[in-house]
Amino acid sequence: MMVLYPIFLKLQERKVLIIGGGAVAEEKIHAVLRSATDVTVLAPKITERIREWAERGLLRHVAEEYRAGILRNYFLVIACTDVEAVNHAIYEEARQAGVLCNSVDDPDYCDFYSPAVVSRGDLQIAISTGGKSPALAQRIRKKLEQDFGPEYESWVAWLGRVRTTILKALPRSESRKQLLHLLAHTSPIQFKFTAVGHGTNVPPRKHENCASG
């Protein structure tokens, strides 16, 4: 049984290529643009939304069909044409060129899978079934979206600011570690009170023992 290695990629200043210009490509591009700054879309025809992104300078559009030999300078490629054989050819070339490749909805022709994601600013929760049931991953994502609402975005940002202050103010110690865990055991509701009335101070709460991890 193959066990996937979970990972978050830094795509800033990495060259990303999306091959395809339909609705599926649009969905993938929308996700990639949140992380990547150097995106090229290769497709003779593209959706209106992709065209708008190109006009805004968010990506480059090359109005051509895929041809062998174009993947060499890319870090990551997503194959989402309407022709399975073309997607497979893209994957095989990517393997030869050492380029990470995802052939959409075709697990056997993927170096990585795009997980279902709950995104709240810097908080990202990724769910994968290893390609076995994307529908189940989507169902779990919807449940987690209820458990981790939009308020988590500002709360996590606040936790980051407080952590920076604590790391500068206190030497490395078990008490510092426990304090950071204590903060993580607060809630967005407590954060709202603290952010309004106490800046980056620790929430007014009795000390409690927090397990590490």
N, C-alpha and C. Protein backbone atom coordinates (compact mmCIF):
# COMPACT_ATOMS: atom_id res chain seq x y z
N MET A 1 0.84 -1.20 0.00
CA MET A 1 0.00 0.00 0.00
C MET A 1 0.87 1.25 0.00
N MET A 2 0.64 2.13 -0.95
CA MET A 2 1.41 3.37 -1.03
C MET A 2 0.84 4.39 -0.07
N VAL A 3 1.71 4.98 0.75
CA VAL A 3 1.31 6.02 1.68
C VAL A 3 1.80 7.36 1.15
N LEU A 4 0.89 8.30 0.98
CA LEU A 4 1.26 9.61 0.45
C LEU A 4 1.97 10.44 1.51
N TYR A 5 2.91 11.25 1.07
CA TYR A 5 3.62 12.16 1.97
C TYR A 5 2.96 13.52 1.89
N PRO A 6 2.30 13.96 2.97
CA PRO A 6 1.62 15.27 2.93
C PRO A 6 2.62 16.41 2.93
N ILE A 7 2.35 17.42 2.12
CA ILE A 7 3.31 18.51 1.97
C ILE A 7 2.59 19.77 1.50
N PHE A 8 3.11 20.94 1.91
CA PHE A 8 2.64 22.22 1.39
C PHE A 8 3.78 22.83 0.59
N LEU A 9 3.54 23.17 -0.66
CA LEU A 9 4.58 23.68 -1.54
C LEU A 9 4.63 25.20 -1.56
N LYS A 10 5.84 25.74 -1.61
CA LYS A 10 6.03 27.17 -1.84
C LYS A 10 6.18 27.38 -3.34
N LEU A 11 5.22 28.06 -3.95
CA LEU A 11 5.24 28.25 -5.40
C LEU A 11 5.65 29.65 -5.83
N GLN A 12 5.92 30.53 -4.87
CA GLN A 12 6.37 31.87 -5.23
C GLN A 12 7.64 31.77 -6.07
N GLU A 13 7.63 32.47 -7.21
CA GLU A 13 8.78 32.52 -8.12
C GLU A 13 9.11 31.16 -8.73
N ARG A 14 8.20 30.22 -8.63
CA ARG A 14 8.35 28.94 -9.32
C ARG A 14 7.47 28.97 -10.57
N LYS A 15 7.97 28.38 -11.65
CA LYS A 15 7.22 28.39 -12.91
C LYS A 15 6.19 27.26 -12.90
N VAL A 16 4.93 27.64 -13.07
CA VAL A 16 3.82 26.69 -13.06
C VAL A 16 3.12 26.73 -14.41
N LEU A 17 2.83 25.56 -14.96
CA LEU A 17 2.17 25.46 -16.26
C LEU A 17 0.86 24.70 -16.12
N ILE A 18 -0.21 25.31 -16.59
CA ILE A 18 -1.51 24.65 -16.67
C ILE A 18 -1.80 24.39 -18.14
N ILE A 19 -2.03 23.14 -18.51
CA ILE A 19 -2.31 22.81 -19.90
C ILE A 19 -3.79 22.47 -20.01
N GLY A 20 -4.54 23.34 -20.65
CA GLY A 20 -5.99 23.22 -20.75
C GLY A 20 -6.62 24.56 -20.43
N GLY A 21 -7.79 24.81 -21.02
CA GLY A 21 -8.40 26.12 -20.82
C GLY A 21 -9.89 26.08 -20.54
N GLY A 22 -10.40 24.91 -20.17
CA GLY A 22 -11.83 24.78 -19.90
C GLY A 22 -12.19 25.02 -18.45
N ALA A 23 -13.37 24.52 -18.07
CA ALA A 23 -13.88 24.75 -16.71
C ALA A 23 -13.00 24.10 -15.65
N VAL A 24 -12.50 22.90 -15.93
CA VAL A 24 -11.63 22.22 -14.97
C VAL A 24 -10.33 22.99 -14.80
N ALA A 25 -9.76 23.44 -15.91
CA ALA A 25 -8.54 24.24 -15.84
C ALA A 25 -8.78 25.52 -15.05
N GLU A 26 -9.92 26.14 -15.27
CA GLU A 26 -10.26 27.37 -14.54
C GLU A 26 -10.25 27.14 -13.04
N GLU A 27 -10.83 26.03 -12.62
CA GLU A 27 -10.86 25.69 -11.19
C GLU A 27 -9.45 25.52 -10.64
N LYS A 28 -8.60 24.81 -11.39
CA LYS A 28 -7.22 24.58 -10.93
C LYS A 28 -6.43 25.88 -10.91
N ILE A 29 -6.62 26.71 -11.92
CA ILE A 29 -5.91 27.98 -11.99
C ILE A 29 -6.30 28.87 -10.81
N HIS A 30 -7.58 28.90 -10.50
CA HIS A 30 -8.06 29.72 -9.38
C HIS A 30 -7.35 29.33 -8.09
N ALA A 31 -7.16 28.03 -7.88
CA ALA A 31 -6.46 27.57 -6.68
C ALA A 31 -4.98 27.91 -6.73
N VAL A 32 -4.35 27.72 -7.88
CA VAL A 32 -2.91 27.96 -8.02
C VAL A 32 -2.56 29.43 -7.84
N LEU A 33 -3.42 30.32 -8.33
CA LEU A 33 -3.13 31.75 -8.26
C LEU A 33 -3.05 32.27 -6.83
N ARG A 34 -3.57 31.54 -5.87
CA ARG A 34 -3.46 31.95 -4.47
C ARG A 34 -2.04 31.79 -3.96
N SER A 35 -1.24 30.96 -4.65
CA SER A 35 0.10 30.64 -4.16
C SER A 35 1.21 30.99 -5.14
N ALA A 36 0.92 30.94 -6.42
CA ALA A 36 1.96 31.08 -7.44
C ALA A 36 1.93 32.46 -8.09
N THR A 37 3.11 32.93 -8.48
CA THR A 37 3.23 34.25 -9.11
C THR A 37 3.72 34.17 -10.54
N ASP A 38 4.07 32.97 -11.00
CA ASP A 38 4.58 32.79 -12.36
C ASP A 38 3.82 31.65 -13.01
N VAL A 39 2.63 31.96 -13.54
CA VAL A 39 1.71 30.95 -14.05
C VAL A 39 1.51 31.14 -15.56
N THR A 40 1.65 30.06 -16.30
CA THR A 40 1.38 30.07 -17.73
C THR A 40 0.26 29.08 -18.03
N VAL A 41 -0.67 29.50 -18.88
CA VAL A 41 -1.76 28.64 -19.32
C VAL A 41 -1.56 28.36 -20.81
N LEU A 42 -1.48 27.08 -21.15
CA LEU A 42 -1.28 26.66 -22.54
C LEU A 42 -2.57 26.04 -23.05
N ALA A 43 -3.25 26.73 -23.96
CA ALA A 43 -4.51 26.22 -24.51
C ALA A 43 -4.95 27.12 -25.67
N PRO A 44 -5.44 26.53 -26.77
CA PRO A 44 -5.93 27.34 -27.89
C PRO A 44 -7.12 28.20 -27.49
N LYS A 45 -8.00 27.64 -26.65
CA LYS A 45 -9.18 28.36 -26.21
C LYS A 45 -9.24 28.35 -24.68
N ILE A 46 -9.71 29.45 -24.12
CA ILE A 46 -9.81 29.56 -22.66
C ILE A 46 -11.15 30.15 -22.29
N THR A 47 -11.56 29.94 -21.05
CA THR A 47 -12.81 30.51 -20.57
C THR A 47 -12.67 32.02 -20.40
N GLU A 48 -13.80 32.68 -20.29
CA GLU A 48 -13.79 34.13 -20.14
C GLU A 48 -13.08 34.55 -18.85
N ARG A 49 -13.26 33.77 -17.80
CA ARG A 49 -12.63 34.11 -16.53
C ARG A 49 -11.10 34.00 -16.63
N ILE A 50 -10.62 32.95 -17.29
CA ILE A 50 -9.17 32.81 -17.48
C ILE A 50 -8.65 33.98 -18.30
N ARG A 51 -9.42 34.38 -19.31
CA ARG A 51 -9.02 35.52 -20.14
C ARG A 51 -8.90 36.79 -19.29
N GLU A 52 -9.85 36.98 -18.37
CA GLU A 52 -9.81 38.15 -17.49
C GLU A 52 -8.55 38.13 -16.62
N TRP A 53 -8.21 36.95 -16.10
CA TRP A 53 -6.99 36.84 -15.29
C TRP A 53 -5.76 37.20 -16.11
N ALA A 54 -5.74 36.75 -17.37
CA ALA A 54 -4.61 37.07 -18.24
C ALA A 54 -4.53 38.57 -18.50
N GLU A 55 -5.67 39.20 -18.74
CA GLU A 55 -5.69 40.64 -19.00
C GLU A 55 -5.25 41.44 -17.78
N ARG A 56 -5.49 40.90 -16.60
CA ARG A 56 -5.08 41.57 -15.37
C ARG A 56 -3.61 41.29 -15.02
N GLY A 57 -2.96 40.48 -15.83
CA GLY A 57 -1.55 40.19 -15.60
C GLY A 57 -1.28 39.13 -14.55
N LEU A 58 -2.32 38.38 -14.17
CA LEU A 58 -2.14 37.34 -13.15
C LEU A 58 -1.52 36.07 -13.73
N LEU A 59 -1.59 35.91 -15.04
CA LEU A 59 -1.01 34.75 -15.70
C LEU A 59 -0.69 35.11 -17.16
N ARG A 60 0.08 34.24 -17.80
CA ARG A 60 0.34 34.37 -19.23
C ARG A 60 -0.47 33.33 -19.98
N HIS A 61 -1.09 33.73 -21.08
CA HIS A 61 -1.83 32.77 -21.90
C HIS A 61 -1.08 32.56 -23.21
N VAL A 62 -0.76 31.30 -23.49
CA VAL A 62 -0.15 30.92 -24.76
C VAL A 62 -1.20 30.12 -25.53
N ALA A 63 -1.69 30.67 -26.63
CA ALA A 63 -2.80 30.07 -27.37
C ALA A 63 -2.29 29.00 -28.33
N GLU A 64 -1.76 27.93 -27.77
CA GLU A 64 -1.22 26.83 -28.57
C GLU A 64 -1.62 25.50 -27.95
N GLU A 65 -1.54 24.45 -28.77
CA GLU A 65 -1.72 23.09 -28.28
C GLU A 65 -0.44 22.62 -27.60
N TYR A 66 -0.58 21.61 -26.76
CA TYR A 66 0.61 21.00 -26.15
C TYR A 66 1.47 20.35 -27.22
N ARG A 67 2.77 20.49 -27.07
CA ARG A 67 3.71 19.79 -27.94
C ARG A 67 4.89 19.32 -27.07
N ALA A 68 5.48 18.24 -27.45
CA ALA A 68 6.59 17.67 -26.68
C ALA A 68 7.75 18.65 -26.62
N GLY A 69 8.41 18.71 -25.46
CA GLY A 69 9.60 19.52 -25.31
C GLY A 69 9.41 20.85 -24.62
N ILE A 70 8.19 21.14 -24.15
CA ILE A 70 7.93 22.47 -23.57
C ILE A 70 7.97 22.49 -22.05
N LEU A 71 8.13 21.34 -21.41
CA LEU A 71 8.00 21.29 -19.95
C LEU A 71 9.31 21.52 -19.21
N ARG A 72 10.41 21.53 -19.92
CA ARG A 72 11.73 21.45 -19.29
C ARG A 72 11.99 22.51 -18.22
N ASN A 73 11.53 23.71 -18.44
CA ASN A 73 11.86 24.82 -17.53
C ASN A 73 10.83 25.06 -16.43
N TYR A 74 9.85 24.16 -16.32
CA TYR A 74 8.80 24.36 -15.33
C TYR A 74 9.05 23.53 -14.07
N PHE A 75 8.53 24.01 -12.97
CA PHE A 75 8.63 23.31 -11.69
C PHE A 75 7.45 22.35 -11.50
N LEU A 76 6.28 22.77 -11.97
CA LEU A 76 5.05 22.01 -11.74
C LEU A 76 4.12 22.20 -12.93
N VAL A 77 3.48 21.13 -13.34
CA VAL A 77 2.52 21.19 -14.45
C VAL A 77 1.24 20.46 -14.07
N ILE A 78 0.12 21.02 -14.49
CA ILE A 78 -1.18 20.38 -14.30
C ILE A 78 -1.78 20.14 -15.68
N ALA A 79 -2.05 18.88 -15.99
CA ALA A 79 -2.61 18.50 -17.28
C ALA A 79 -4.11 18.34 -17.16
N CYS A 80 -4.85 19.20 -17.84
CA CYS A 80 -6.31 19.10 -17.77
C CYS A 80 -6.93 19.40 -19.14
N THR A 81 -6.40 18.72 -20.17
CA THR A 81 -7.01 18.81 -21.49
C THR A 81 -8.20 17.85 -21.53
N ASP A 82 -8.93 17.89 -22.64
CA ASP A 82 -10.09 17.00 -22.79
C ASP A 82 -9.69 15.65 -23.37
N VAL A 83 -8.42 15.46 -23.66
CA VAL A 83 -7.96 14.23 -24.31
C VAL A 83 -7.05 13.46 -23.35
N GLU A 84 -7.50 12.29 -22.94
CA GLU A 84 -6.75 11.50 -21.96
C GLU A 84 -5.35 11.17 -22.44
N ALA A 85 -5.21 10.81 -23.72
CA ALA A 85 -3.90 10.45 -24.26
C ALA A 85 -2.93 11.62 -24.18
N VAL A 86 -3.43 12.82 -24.38
CA VAL A 86 -2.57 14.01 -24.29
C VAL A 86 -2.12 14.21 -22.85
N ASN A 87 -3.05 14.07 -21.91
CA ASN A 87 -2.69 14.21 -20.49
C ASN A 87 -1.63 13.18 -20.09
N HIS A 88 -1.77 11.96 -20.61
CA HIS A 88 -0.79 10.92 -20.30
C HIS A 88 0.58 11.26 -20.90
N ALA A 89 0.57 11.81 -22.10
CA ALA A 89 1.83 12.20 -22.74
C ALA A 89 2.52 13.31 -21.95
N ILE A 90 1.72 14.24 -21.44
CA ILE A 90 2.26 15.32 -20.61
C ILE A 90 2.92 14.75 -19.36
N TYR A 91 2.24 13.79 -18.74
CA TYR A 91 2.78 13.17 -17.53
C TYR A 91 4.09 12.46 -17.81
N GLU A 92 4.14 11.71 -18.90
CA GLU A 92 5.36 10.96 -19.22
C GLU A 92 6.52 11.91 -19.51
N GLU A 93 6.25 13.01 -20.22
CA GLU A 93 7.32 13.98 -20.47
C GLU A 93 7.77 14.62 -19.16
N ALA A 94 6.82 14.93 -18.30
CA ALA A 94 7.16 15.55 -17.01
C ALA A 94 8.06 14.63 -16.19
N ARG A 95 7.77 13.33 -16.21
CA ARG A 95 8.60 12.37 -15.48
C ARG A 95 10.03 12.39 -16.01
N GLN A 96 10.16 12.43 -17.32
CA GLN A 96 11.49 12.46 -17.93
C GLN A 96 12.24 13.75 -17.61
N ALA A 97 11.49 14.85 -17.50
CA ALA A 97 12.10 16.17 -17.27
C ALA A 97 12.28 16.50 -15.80
N GLY A 98 11.78 15.64 -14.91
CA GLY A 98 11.88 15.92 -13.48
C GLY A 98 10.95 17.02 -13.02
N VAL A 99 9.79 17.10 -13.66
CA VAL A 99 8.80 18.13 -13.34
C VAL A 99 7.63 17.48 -12.62
N LEU A 100 7.19 18.06 -11.52
CA LEU A 100 6.02 17.53 -10.82
C LEU A 100 4.78 17.68 -11.69
N CYS A 101 3.98 16.62 -11.78
CA CYS A 101 2.82 16.65 -12.68
C CYS A 101 1.58 16.08 -12.01
N ASN A 102 0.46 16.73 -12.27
CA ASN A 102 -0.85 16.24 -11.86
C ASN A 102 -1.72 16.16 -13.10
N SER A 103 -2.17 14.95 -13.42
CA SER A 103 -3.12 14.75 -14.51
C SER A 103 -4.49 14.63 -13.87
N VAL A 104 -5.33 15.61 -14.08
CA VAL A 104 -6.57 15.77 -13.33
C VAL A 104 -7.46 14.53 -13.43
N ASP A 105 -7.94 14.08 -12.28
CA ASP A 105 -8.86 12.94 -12.18
C ASP A 105 -8.28 11.65 -12.75
N ASP A 106 -6.97 11.51 -12.67
CA ASP A 106 -6.31 10.31 -13.20
C ASP A 106 -5.15 9.94 -12.26
N PRO A 107 -5.46 9.34 -11.11
CA PRO A 107 -4.46 9.12 -10.06
C PRO A 107 -3.20 8.39 -10.50
N ASP A 108 -3.32 7.46 -11.46
CA ASP A 108 -2.15 6.71 -11.90
C ASP A 108 -1.16 7.58 -12.68
N TYR A 109 -1.60 8.75 -13.08
CA TYR A 109 -0.75 9.66 -13.85
C TYR A 109 -0.56 10.96 -13.08
N CYS A 110 -0.25 10.82 -11.80
CA CYS A 110 -0.04 11.98 -10.93
C CYS A 110 1.16 11.77 -10.03
N ASP A 111 1.97 12.80 -9.87
CA ASP A 111 3.02 12.80 -8.85
C ASP A 111 2.47 13.31 -7.53
N PHE A 112 1.36 14.02 -7.60
CA PHE A 112 0.73 14.57 -6.40
C PHE A 112 -0.75 14.73 -6.68
N TYR A 113 -1.54 14.79 -5.62
CA TYR A 113 -2.97 15.04 -5.72
C TYR A 113 -3.29 16.40 -5.14
N SER A 114 -4.29 17.04 -5.68
CA SER A 114 -4.76 18.30 -5.11
C SER A 114 -5.82 17.97 -4.06
N PRO A 115 -5.57 18.24 -2.79
CA PRO A 115 -6.52 17.87 -1.75
C PRO A 115 -7.71 18.81 -1.69
N ALA A 116 -8.76 18.37 -1.04
CA ALA A 116 -9.83 19.30 -0.66
C ALA A 116 -9.28 20.15 0.47
N VAL A 117 -9.51 21.44 0.44
CA VAL A 117 -8.85 22.35 1.38
C VAL A 117 -9.85 23.26 2.07
N VAL A 118 -9.70 23.39 3.38
CA VAL A 118 -10.37 24.44 4.15
C VAL A 118 -9.33 25.52 4.36
N SER A 119 -9.60 26.71 3.86
CA SER A 119 -8.62 27.80 3.92
C SER A 119 -9.18 28.96 4.71
N ARG A 120 -8.48 29.31 5.78
CA ARG A 120 -8.84 30.46 6.62
C ARG A 120 -7.57 31.31 6.81
N GLY A 121 -7.22 32.06 5.79
CA GLY A 121 -5.98 32.82 5.86
C GLY A 121 -4.79 31.88 5.91
N ASP A 122 -3.96 32.04 6.92
CA ASP A 122 -2.77 31.18 7.06
C ASP A 122 -3.11 29.79 7.56
N LEU A 123 -4.32 29.58 8.03
CA LEU A 123 -4.75 28.25 8.44
C LEU A 123 -5.27 27.50 7.22
N GLN A 124 -4.61 26.40 6.89
CA GLN A 124 -5.06 25.55 5.80
C GLN A 124 -5.16 24.12 6.28
N ILE A 125 -6.29 23.50 6.05
CA ILE A 125 -6.51 22.11 6.42
C ILE A 125 -6.76 21.34 5.13
N ALA A 126 -5.86 20.42 4.82
CA ALA A 126 -5.95 19.66 3.57
C ALA A 126 -6.47 18.25 3.85
N ILE A 127 -7.38 17.78 3.00
CA ILE A 127 -7.97 16.45 3.16
C ILE A 127 -7.75 15.65 1.90
N SER A 128 -7.23 14.44 2.05
CA SER A 128 -7.01 13.58 0.90
C SER A 128 -7.45 12.16 1.20
N THR A 129 -8.01 11.51 0.20
CA THR A 129 -8.31 10.08 0.30
C THR A 129 -7.39 9.28 -0.62
N GLY A 130 -6.27 9.89 -1.00
CA GLY A 130 -5.34 9.21 -1.89
C GLY A 130 -5.93 8.95 -3.26
N GLY A 131 -6.88 9.79 -3.65
CA GLY A 131 -7.52 9.63 -4.95
C GLY A 131 -8.63 8.59 -4.97
N LYS A 132 -8.89 7.96 -3.82
CA LYS A 132 -9.91 6.90 -3.78
C LYS A 132 -11.33 7.45 -3.84
N SER A 133 -11.57 8.57 -3.15
CA SER A 133 -12.93 9.13 -3.14
C SER A 133 -12.88 10.64 -2.94
N PRO A 134 -12.67 11.40 -4.02
CA PRO A 134 -12.72 12.86 -3.91
C PRO A 134 -14.03 13.36 -3.33
N ALA A 135 -15.12 12.62 -3.58
CA ALA A 135 -16.43 13.03 -3.06
C ALA A 135 -16.42 13.00 -1.53
N LEU A 136 -15.78 11.98 -0.94
CA LEU A 136 -15.69 11.91 0.52
C LEU A 136 -14.82 13.05 1.05
N ALA A 137 -13.74 13.34 0.35
CA ALA A 137 -12.88 14.45 0.77
C ALA A 137 -13.66 15.77 0.78
N GLN A 138 -14.51 15.97 -0.22
CA GLN A 138 -15.32 17.18 -0.28
C GLN A 138 -16.34 17.21 0.87
N ARG A 139 -16.89 16.05 1.18
CA ARG A 139 -17.85 15.98 2.29
C ARG A 139 -17.18 16.36 3.62
N ILE A 140 -15.98 15.83 3.83
CA ILE A 140 -15.24 16.15 5.06
C ILE A 140 -14.88 17.62 5.09
N ARG A 141 -14.50 18.16 3.93
CA ARG A 141 -14.17 19.59 3.86
C ARG A 141 -15.35 20.44 4.30
N LYS A 142 -16.54 20.13 3.83
CA LYS A 142 -17.72 20.91 4.19
C LYS A 142 -17.98 20.85 5.70
N LYS A 143 -17.74 19.68 6.29
CA LYS A 143 -17.91 19.56 7.74
C LYS A 143 -16.89 20.42 8.47
N LEU A 144 -15.65 20.39 8.03
CA LEU A 144 -14.60 21.18 8.68
C LEU A 144 -14.82 22.67 8.49
N GLU A 145 -15.41 23.07 7.38
CA GLU A 145 -15.71 24.49 7.17
C GLU A 145 -16.69 25.00 8.22
N GLN A 146 -17.56 24.12 8.70
CA GLN A 146 -18.48 24.51 9.78
C GLN A 146 -17.74 24.58 11.12
N ASP A 147 -16.82 23.66 11.33
CA ASP A 147 -16.08 23.63 12.60
C ASP A 147 -15.07 24.77 12.70
N PHE A 148 -14.50 25.15 11.57
CA PHE A 148 -13.48 26.20 11.54
C PHE A 148 -13.98 27.32 10.63
N GLY A 149 -14.75 28.23 11.23
CA GLY A 149 -15.40 29.30 10.47
C GLY A 149 -14.46 30.41 10.06
N PRO A 150 -14.97 31.42 9.36
CA PRO A 150 -14.16 32.54 8.87
C PRO A 150 -13.42 33.28 9.97
N GLU A 151 -13.94 33.22 11.21
CA GLU A 151 -13.29 33.93 12.31
C GLU A 151 -11.88 33.40 12.60
N TYR A 152 -11.59 32.19 12.15
CA TYR A 152 -10.26 31.63 12.39
C TYR A 152 -9.16 32.37 11.64
N GLU A 153 -9.50 33.04 10.55
CA GLU A 153 -8.47 33.76 9.79
C GLU A 153 -7.83 34.86 10.64
N SER A 154 -8.65 35.72 11.23
CA SER A 154 -8.10 36.81 12.04
C SER A 154 -7.51 36.27 13.35
N TRP A 155 -8.09 35.19 13.88
CA TRP A 155 -7.58 34.62 15.12
C TRP A 155 -6.16 34.07 14.93
N VAL A 156 -5.95 33.33 13.84
CA VAL A 156 -4.63 32.77 13.57
C VAL A 156 -3.62 33.88 13.33
N ALA A 157 -4.04 34.94 12.64
CA ALA A 157 -3.14 36.08 12.42
C ALA A 157 -2.74 36.70 13.76
N TRP A 158 -3.71 36.81 14.68
CA TRP A 158 -3.42 37.36 16.01
C TRP A 158 -2.46 36.45 16.78
N LEU A 159 -2.70 35.14 16.71
CA LEU A 159 -1.80 34.19 17.38
C LEU A 159 -0.37 34.33 16.86
N GLY A 160 -0.24 34.58 15.56
CA GLY A 160 1.08 34.76 14.99
C GLY A 160 1.79 35.99 15.53
N ARG A 161 1.04 37.08 15.67
CA ARG A 161 1.64 38.31 16.20
C ARG A 161 2.06 38.13 17.65
N VAL A 162 1.20 37.50 18.44
CA VAL A 162 1.52 37.27 19.85
C VAL A 162 2.72 36.33 19.99
N ARG A 163 2.77 35.30 19.15
CA ARG A 163 3.89 34.36 19.20
C ARG A 163 5.21 35.07 18.94
N THR A 164 5.22 35.96 17.95
CA THR A 164 6.43 36.72 17.64
C THR A 164 6.89 37.53 18.85
N THR A 165 5.92 38.18 19.52
CA THR A 165 6.24 38.98 20.70
C THR A 165 6.81 38.11 21.82
N ILE A 166 6.20 36.95 22.04
CA ILE A 166 6.65 36.06 23.11
C ILE A 166 8.05 35.50 22.82
N LEU A 167 8.30 35.12 21.58
CA LEU A 167 9.61 34.57 21.23
C LEU A 167 10.72 35.59 21.43
N LYS A 168 10.41 36.86 21.21
CA LYS A 168 11.41 37.91 21.42
C LYS A 168 11.60 38.23 22.90
N ALA A 169 10.51 38.11 23.67
CA ALA A 169 10.55 38.56 25.06
C ALA A 169 11.02 37.49 26.04
N LEU A 170 10.78 36.22 25.72
CA LEU A 170 11.09 35.16 26.67
C LEU A 170 12.13 34.20 26.11
N PRO A 171 13.05 33.73 26.94
CA PRO A 171 14.04 32.75 26.48
C PRO A 171 13.36 31.40 26.26
N ARG A 172 14.02 30.56 25.48
CA ARG A 172 13.48 29.22 25.25
C ARG A 172 13.37 28.48 26.57
N SER A 173 12.19 27.96 26.86
CA SER A 173 11.96 27.27 28.13
C SER A 173 10.66 26.50 28.04
N GLU A 174 10.45 25.63 29.01
CA GLU A 174 9.20 24.87 29.07
C GLU A 174 8.03 25.79 29.33
N SER A 175 8.24 26.83 30.16
CA SER A 175 7.14 27.75 30.46
C SER A 175 6.73 28.54 29.21
N ARG A 176 7.70 28.89 28.37
CA ARG A 176 7.36 29.59 27.13
C ARG A 176 6.56 28.67 26.22
N LYS A 177 6.96 27.43 26.15
CA LYS A 177 6.25 26.45 25.34
C LYS A 177 4.82 26.28 25.83
N GLN A 178 4.65 26.20 27.16
CA GLN A 178 3.31 26.04 27.72
C GLN A 178 2.45 27.27 27.46
N LEU A 179 3.07 28.44 27.51
CA LEU A 179 2.32 29.67 27.24
C LEU A 179 1.80 29.68 25.81
N LEU A 180 2.63 29.26 24.87
CA LEU A 180 2.20 29.22 23.47
C LEU A 180 1.07 28.22 23.28
N HIS A 181 1.14 27.09 23.97
CA HIS A 181 0.06 26.11 23.89
C HIS A 181 -1.21 26.63 24.56
N LEU A 182 -1.04 27.37 25.64
CA LEU A 182 -2.19 27.97 26.31
C LEU A 182 -2.93 28.90 25.36
N LEU A 183 -2.20 29.71 24.63
CA LEU A 183 -2.83 30.61 23.66
C LEU A 183 -3.59 29.83 22.60
N ALA A 184 -3.02 28.72 22.15
CA ALA A 184 -3.68 27.91 21.13
C ALA A 184 -4.93 27.23 21.65
N HIS A 185 -5.06 27.14 22.99
CA HIS A 185 -6.25 26.55 23.59
C HIS A 185 -7.34 27.58 23.86
N THR A 186 -7.10 28.83 23.48
CA THR A 186 -8.18 29.81 23.57
C THR A 186 -9.13 29.57 22.40
N SER A 187 -10.06 30.47 22.19
CA SER A 187 -11.02 30.32 21.10
C SER A 187 -11.16 31.64 20.37
N PRO A 188 -11.70 31.61 19.15
CA PRO A 188 -11.93 32.87 18.44
C PRO A 188 -12.79 33.85 19.22
N ILE A 189 -13.71 33.35 20.04
CA ILE A 189 -14.56 34.25 20.84
C ILE A 189 -13.70 34.99 21.86
N GLN A 190 -12.82 34.28 22.56
CA GLN A 190 -11.90 34.92 23.50
C GLN A 190 -10.97 35.88 22.78
N PHE A 191 -10.58 35.51 21.57
CA PHE A 191 -9.70 36.38 20.78
C PHE A 191 -10.36 37.72 20.51
N LYS A 192 -11.64 37.71 20.14
CA LYS A 192 -12.33 38.96 19.85
C LYS A 192 -12.30 39.89 21.05
N PHE A 193 -12.52 39.33 22.24
CA PHE A 193 -12.48 40.14 23.46
C PHE A 193 -11.09 40.71 23.67
N THR A 194 -10.09 39.84 23.51
CA THR A 194 -8.71 40.25 23.76
C THR A 194 -8.24 41.28 22.75
N ALA A 195 -8.54 41.05 21.46
CA ALA A 195 -8.07 41.94 20.41
C ALA A 195 -8.64 43.34 20.59
N VAL A 196 -9.88 43.44 21.04
CA VAL A 196 -10.51 44.74 21.21
C VAL A 196 -10.00 45.44 22.45
N GLY A 197 -9.87 44.70 23.55
CA GLY A 197 -9.56 45.37 24.81
C GLY A 197 -8.13 45.30 25.27
N HIS A 198 -7.33 44.39 24.69
CA HIS A 198 -6.00 44.18 25.26
C HIS A 198 -4.88 44.07 24.24
N GLY A 199 -5.09 44.50 23.03
CA GLY A 199 -4.03 44.47 22.03
C GLY A 199 -3.51 43.07 21.82
N THR A 200 -2.22 42.86 22.03
CA THR A 200 -1.64 41.53 21.86
C THR A 200 -1.37 40.86 23.19
N ASN A 201 -2.02 41.31 24.26
CA ASN A 201 -1.82 40.68 25.57
C ASN A 201 -2.41 39.28 25.58
N VAL A 202 -1.92 38.48 26.48
CA VAL A 202 -2.46 37.14 26.65
C VAL A 202 -3.87 37.24 27.22
N PRO A 203 -4.84 36.44 26.72
CA PRO A 203 -6.21 36.51 27.23
C PRO A 203 -6.26 36.30 28.73
N PRO A 204 -7.13 37.04 29.44
CA PRO A 204 -7.25 36.88 30.89
C PRO A 204 -7.87 35.53 31.22
N ARG A 205 -7.03 34.56 31.55
CA ARG A 205 -7.52 33.21 31.76
C ARG A 205 -6.58 32.50 32.72
N LYS A 206 -7.11 31.67 33.58
CA LYS A 206 -6.28 30.95 34.53
C LYS A 206 -5.35 30.00 33.79
N HIS A 207 -4.15 29.86 34.36
CA HIS A 207 -3.18 28.97 33.75
C HIS A 207 -3.68 27.53 33.82
N GLU A 208 -3.46 26.79 32.72
CA GLU A 208 -3.84 25.39 32.71
C GLU A 208 -2.72 24.59 32.08
N ASN A 209 -2.62 23.35 32.45
CA ASN A 209 -1.56 22.51 31.92
C ASN A 209 -1.90 22.07 30.52
N CYS A 210 -0.99 22.34 29.57
CA CYS A 210 -1.25 22.02 28.17
C CYS A 210 -0.22 21.02 27.69
N ALA A 211 -0.69 19.94 27.11
CA ALA A 211 0.24 18.94 26.59
C ALA A 211 0.96 19.48 25.38
N SER A 212 2.20 19.07 25.19
CA SER A 212 2.96 19.52 24.02
C SER A 212 2.47 18.81 22.78
N GLY A 213 2.78 19.43 21.61
CA GLY A 213 2.41 18.80 20.35
C GLY A 213 1.52 19.66 19.56
